[in-house]
Protein backbone atom coordinates (compact mmCIF):
# COMPACT_ATOMS: atom_id res chain seq x y z
CA MET A 1 0.00 0.00 0.00
CA THR A 2 1.17 3.52 -0.74
CA SER A 3 2.47 5.24 2.38
CA VAL A 4 0.51 8.20 3.70
CA MET A 5 3.64 9.64 5.31
CA PRO A 6 4.59 12.46 5.37
CA GLY A 7 1.49 13.80 3.60
CA ARG A 8 1.72 12.64 0.00
CA ALA A 9 -0.55 10.05 -1.57
CA VAL A 10 0.58 9.20 -5.08
CA GLY A 11 0.81 6.01 -7.11
CA ARG A 12 -1.48 3.12 -7.93
CA ASN A 13 -3.30 3.00 -4.59
CA ALA A 14 -3.36 6.74 -3.94
CA GLY A 15 -7.16 6.97 -4.09
CA ALA A 16 -7.60 4.28 -1.44
CA VAL A 17 -5.03 5.98 0.78
CA LYS A 18 -6.92 9.27 0.63
CA TYR A 19 -10.19 7.60 1.60
CA ASP A 20 -8.49 5.81 4.49
CA VAL A 21 -7.00 9.05 5.81
CA LEU A 22 -10.39 10.77 5.72
CA THR A 23 -12.02 7.71 7.31
CA ALA A 24 -9.52 7.81 10.17
CA LEU A 25 -10.23 11.48 10.77
CA GLY A 26 -14.00 10.97 10.64
CA ALA A 27 -13.95 7.99 12.99
CA PHE A 28 -11.80 9.93 15.45
CA ALA A 29 -14.10 12.99 15.31
CA LEU A 30 -17.12 10.89 16.26
CA THR A 31 -15.42 9.89 19.53
CA GLN A 32 -14.97 13.52 20.58
CA ASP A 33 -17.07 16.41 21.83
CA ARG A 34 -18.89 18.77 19.48
CA ALA A 35 -16.14 21.43 19.38
CA LEU A 36 -13.51 18.95 18.23
CA GLN A 37 -15.96 17.34 15.81
CA ILE A 38 -16.47 20.69 14.09
CA LEU A 39 -12.74 21.36 14.02
CA VAL A 40 -12.02 17.98 12.41
CA LEU A 41 -14.89 18.46 9.92
CA ARG A 42 -13.38 21.76 8.82
CA LEU A 43 -9.99 20.11 8.36
CA ILE A 44 -11.54 17.25 6.37
CA LEU A 45 -13.32 19.74 4.11
CA LEU A 46 -10.13 21.71 3.61
CA ILE A 47 -8.22 18.54 2.69
CA THR A 48 -10.97 17.32 0.36
CA ALA A 49 -11.43 20.61 -1.43
CA ARG A 50 -7.99 22.20 -1.51
CA TYR A 51 -5.18 19.82 -0.51
CA ASN A 52 -2.64 19.10 -3.26
CA TRP A 53 -1.62 15.51 -2.55
CA GLN A 54 1.27 15.51 -5.01
CA ARG A 55 2.84 18.66 -3.56
CA ALA A 56 1.70 17.83 -0.01
CA GLU A 57 0.39 21.33 0.61
CA PHE A 58 -2.55 23.69 0.38
CA CYS A 59 -2.54 27.40 -0.33
CA VAL A 60 -5.86 28.97 0.60
CA GLY A 61 -6.52 32.56 1.64
CA ARG A 62 -8.66 33.49 4.63
CA PRO A 63 -11.61 34.75 2.54
CA GLU A 64 -11.75 31.42 0.68
CA MET A 65 -11.49 29.47 3.96
CA ALA A 66 -14.31 31.57 5.38
CA ARG A 67 -16.56 30.76 2.40
CA LEU A 68 -15.62 27.08 2.53
CA TRP A 69 -16.37 26.83 6.27
CA GLY A 70 -19.41 29.11 6.23
CA ILE A 71 -18.00 31.49 8.82
CA ASP A 72 -16.75 35.06 9.16
CA VAL A 73 -13.21 35.86 7.97
CA ARG A 74 -12.32 36.98 11.51
CA GLN A 75 -12.98 33.46 12.82
CA VAL A 76 -10.60 31.87 10.31
CA LYS A 77 -7.48 33.23 12.04
CA ARG A 78 -8.51 31.64 15.35
CA ILE A 79 -9.30 28.27 13.77
CA VAL A 80 -6.05 28.15 11.78
CA ALA A 81 -4.15 29.06 14.95
CA ARG A 82 -5.80 26.15 16.74
CA LEU A 83 -4.91 23.71 13.96
CA LEU A 84 -1.33 24.97 14.13
CA SER A 85 -1.16 24.67 17.92
CA LEU A 86 -2.41 21.08 17.75
CA GLY A 87 0.28 20.25 15.21
CA TRP A 88 -2.28 19.14 12.62
CA ILE A 89 -1.04 21.65 10.05
CA GLU A 90 2.15 23.69 9.76
CA VAL A 91 3.34 26.61 7.70
CA ARG A 92 5.46 25.61 4.71
CA ARG A 93 5.91 29.09 3.21
CA ALA A 94 4.80 32.22 5.03
CA GLY A 95 2.75 34.74 3.11
CA ALA A 96 4.39 38.03 2.21
CA ARG A 97 3.83 40.91 -0.22
CA GLY A 98 0.46 39.66 -1.37
CA ARG A 99 1.51 36.00 -1.40
CA ILE A 100 -0.84 33.62 0.41
CA THR A 101 0.61 31.41 3.15
CA THR A 102 1.18 27.80 2.10
CA TYR A 103 0.50 25.04 4.64
CA THR A 104 1.10 21.32 4.83
CA VAL A 105 -0.99 18.80 6.76
CA ARG A 106 0.89 16.86 9.46
CA PHE A 107 -0.58 13.45 8.73
CA ASP A 108 1.93 11.82 11.07
CA THR A 109 0.42 13.78 13.96
CA ILE A 110 -3.27 13.45 13.12
CA LEU A 111 -2.99 9.75 12.30
CA SER A 112 -1.26 9.11 15.63
CA VAL A 113 -4.11 10.93 17.34
CA SER A 114 -6.81 9.15 15.33
CA GLU A 115 -5.42 5.68 16.08
CA ILE A 116 -7.66 5.41 19.14
CA ALA A 117 -10.64 5.13 16.75
CA TRP A 118 -9.27 2.76 14.08
CA ASP A 119 -10.81 -0.28 15.76
CA ASN A 120 -14.21 1.34 15.35
CA VAL A 121 -13.89 0.99 11.57
CA GLY A 122 -12.78 -2.64 11.53
CA ALA A 123 -9.85 -5.04 11.66
CA ASP A 124 -9.14 -4.70 7.93
CA PHE A 125 -8.88 -0.93 8.31
CA VAL A 126 -6.54 -1.26 11.30
CA ALA A 127 -4.27 -3.58 9.30
CA ARG A 128 -4.16 -1.22 6.32
CA MET A 129 -3.43 1.82 8.45
CA ARG A 130 -0.68 0.10 10.41
CA GLU A 131 0.97 -0.95 7.17
CA ALA A 132 0.58 2.53 5.64
CA THR A 133 1.97 4.28 8.71
CA GLY A 134 4.78 1.81 9.34
CA ARG A 135 3.14 0.35 12.45
CA SER A 136 3.39 -3.38 11.82
CA ALA A 137 2.05 -4.30 15.26
CA ALA A 138 -0.34 -2.90 17.81
CA PRO A 139 1.09 0.17 19.55
CA GLU A 140 2.54 -0.12 23.01
CA GLN A 141 0.27 0.96 25.82
CA GLY A 142 0.54 4.69 26.24
CA SER A 143 1.98 5.31 22.77
CA VAL A 144 -1.24 6.78 21.39
CA VAL A 145 -2.25 10.29 22.34
CA PRO A 146 -5.56 10.03 24.25
CA PHE A 147 -8.24 12.67 23.89
CA PRO A 148 -10.18 12.75 27.17
CA THR A 149 -13.75 13.95 26.81
CA ARG A 150 -14.58 14.80 30.40
CA PRO A 151 -16.06 18.27 30.97
CA ARG A 152 -13.46 20.88 31.76
CA ASP A 153 -15.18 21.82 35.05
CA THR A 154 -14.34 18.38 36.48
CA ILE A 155 -10.61 19.14 36.31
CA VAL A 156 -9.86 19.91 39.93
CA GLU A 157 -6.28 19.25 41.01
CA ASP A 158 -3.94 20.51 43.69
CA GLY A 159 -0.41 21.80 43.25
CA PRO A 160 1.18 24.01 40.59
CA TRP A 161 0.90 21.46 37.78
CA GLY A 162 -2.76 20.86 38.57
CA GLN A 163 -3.41 24.59 38.42
CA VAL A 164 -1.62 24.88 35.08
CA ARG A 165 -3.64 21.98 33.65
CA ALA A 166 -6.88 23.60 34.75
CA ARG A 167 -5.90 26.99 33.29
CA ILE A 168 -5.04 25.50 29.89
CA ALA A 169 -8.15 23.29 29.86
CA ALA A 170 -10.31 26.36 30.42
CA ALA A 171 -8.49 28.53 27.86
CA ASP A 172 -7.98 25.96 25.09
CA PRO A 173 -9.81 22.63 25.54
CA ALA A 174 -8.57 21.20 22.23
CA LEU A 175 -4.92 21.89 23.02
CA TYR A 176 -5.40 20.53 26.52
CA ALA A 177 -7.02 17.31 25.30
CA ALA A 178 -4.42 16.71 22.59
CA TRP A 179 -1.14 17.45 24.34
CA ILE A 180 -1.46 18.48 28.01
CA ALA A 181 -3.88 15.99 29.58
CA PRO A 182 -1.65 12.94 28.85
CA LEU A 183 1.36 14.45 30.67
CA VAL A 184 1.94 12.85 34.09
CA PRO A 185 4.06 14.39 36.87
CA ALA A 186 7.27 12.41 37.37
CA GLY A 187 8.66 14.24 40.38
CA ASN A 188 11.31 16.93 40.60
CA ASP A 189 15.01 16.97 39.81
CA ASP A 190 16.96 19.87 41.37
CA ALA A 191 13.74 21.93 41.47
CA THR A 192 13.00 21.08 37.83
CA LEU A 193 9.45 19.83 37.26
CA LEU A 194 9.51 16.51 35.41
CA LEU A 195 6.57 15.51 33.24
CA ARG A 196 6.22 12.07 31.64
CA ALA A 197 4.69 11.85 28.14
CA PRO A 198 2.92 8.75 26.75
CA SER A 199 5.30 8.40 23.77
CA ARG A 200 8.63 9.70 22.48
CA PHE A 201 6.85 11.56 19.71
CA HIS A 202 4.53 13.22 22.24
CA ALA A 203 7.46 14.22 24.48
CA SER A 204 9.42 15.67 21.57
CA TYR A 205 6.45 17.60 20.22
CA VAL A 206 5.47 19.13 23.57
CA ALA A 207 9.08 20.04 24.35
CA THR A 208 9.42 21.78 20.98
CA HIS A 209 6.06 23.50 20.70
CA HIS A 210 4.47 23.88 24.13
CA ALA A 211 7.17 23.83 26.83
CA ALA A 212 7.59 27.60 26.73
CA ARG A 213 3.88 28.13 27.38
CA LEU A 214 3.83 25.57 30.19
CA LEU A 215 6.77 27.26 31.87
CA ALA A 216 5.15 30.68 31.47
CA GLU A 217 1.95 29.38 33.06
CA LEU A 218 3.91 27.89 35.95
CA ARG A 219 5.67 31.17 36.59
CA LEU A 220 2.39 33.08 36.52
CA ILE A 221 1.39 31.17 39.64
CA GLY A 222 4.79 31.57 41.30
CA ALA A 223 6.25 28.17 40.37
CA GLY A 224 8.60 26.78 37.74
CA GLN A 225 11.73 28.59 38.91
CA GLY A 226 13.79 25.46 38.18
CA GLY A 227 12.24 24.97 34.76
CA LEU A 228 10.62 21.80 33.45
CA ARG A 229 11.53 18.75 31.38
CA ILE A 230 9.30 16.57 29.22
CA LEU A 231 10.35 12.92 29.51
CA PRO A 232 9.51 10.00 27.18
CA PRO A 233 8.11 6.76 28.61
CA GLY A 234 10.55 4.95 30.79
């Protein structure tokens, strides 16, 4: 089967690959709350209508996104920012001097996230997706990013890390569910807060994209003077 990594689907089985990617996204969306369902639906529509599979990119201006999604142009910036923060898309070429920003879809990230719903489609689908993504066997426990669906007002935890979790859950539920909720405190090392991630990919991504925000949130509540480290499973 043609590989779906890192975002291209070309060759004899390209059509089947595209359908499988969209199926994975749809199955995942149906396990989530309404806000995430709408976000995934918008991404699916953007991929279906405007993604160039051969070039692994899409180049769509905000007015066109607004028409496609049936929303106001002002809302597009917030939605794109959320997709970027989740790591589902990334900027390939920034817009400048009238040039529209070009994005690519991070299929490695969204397929890792969607893996929790593959079984809902069927064993044949799971086998195809594991082959296409290079996962020849079932993932180790904790290697898939879980998306908890509990209401944000049930997040009541003590300590600095608990306060930070609650603040992010209230401010950005999608970001919290994707990347923050799975982090588990692993003690302190010379006043450095240690957080354990469910997979090496998760640890690397959080350390690269979200550690600065986590540290800033800690310092807002008078903690984090020793910094923090995101650890892989171990």
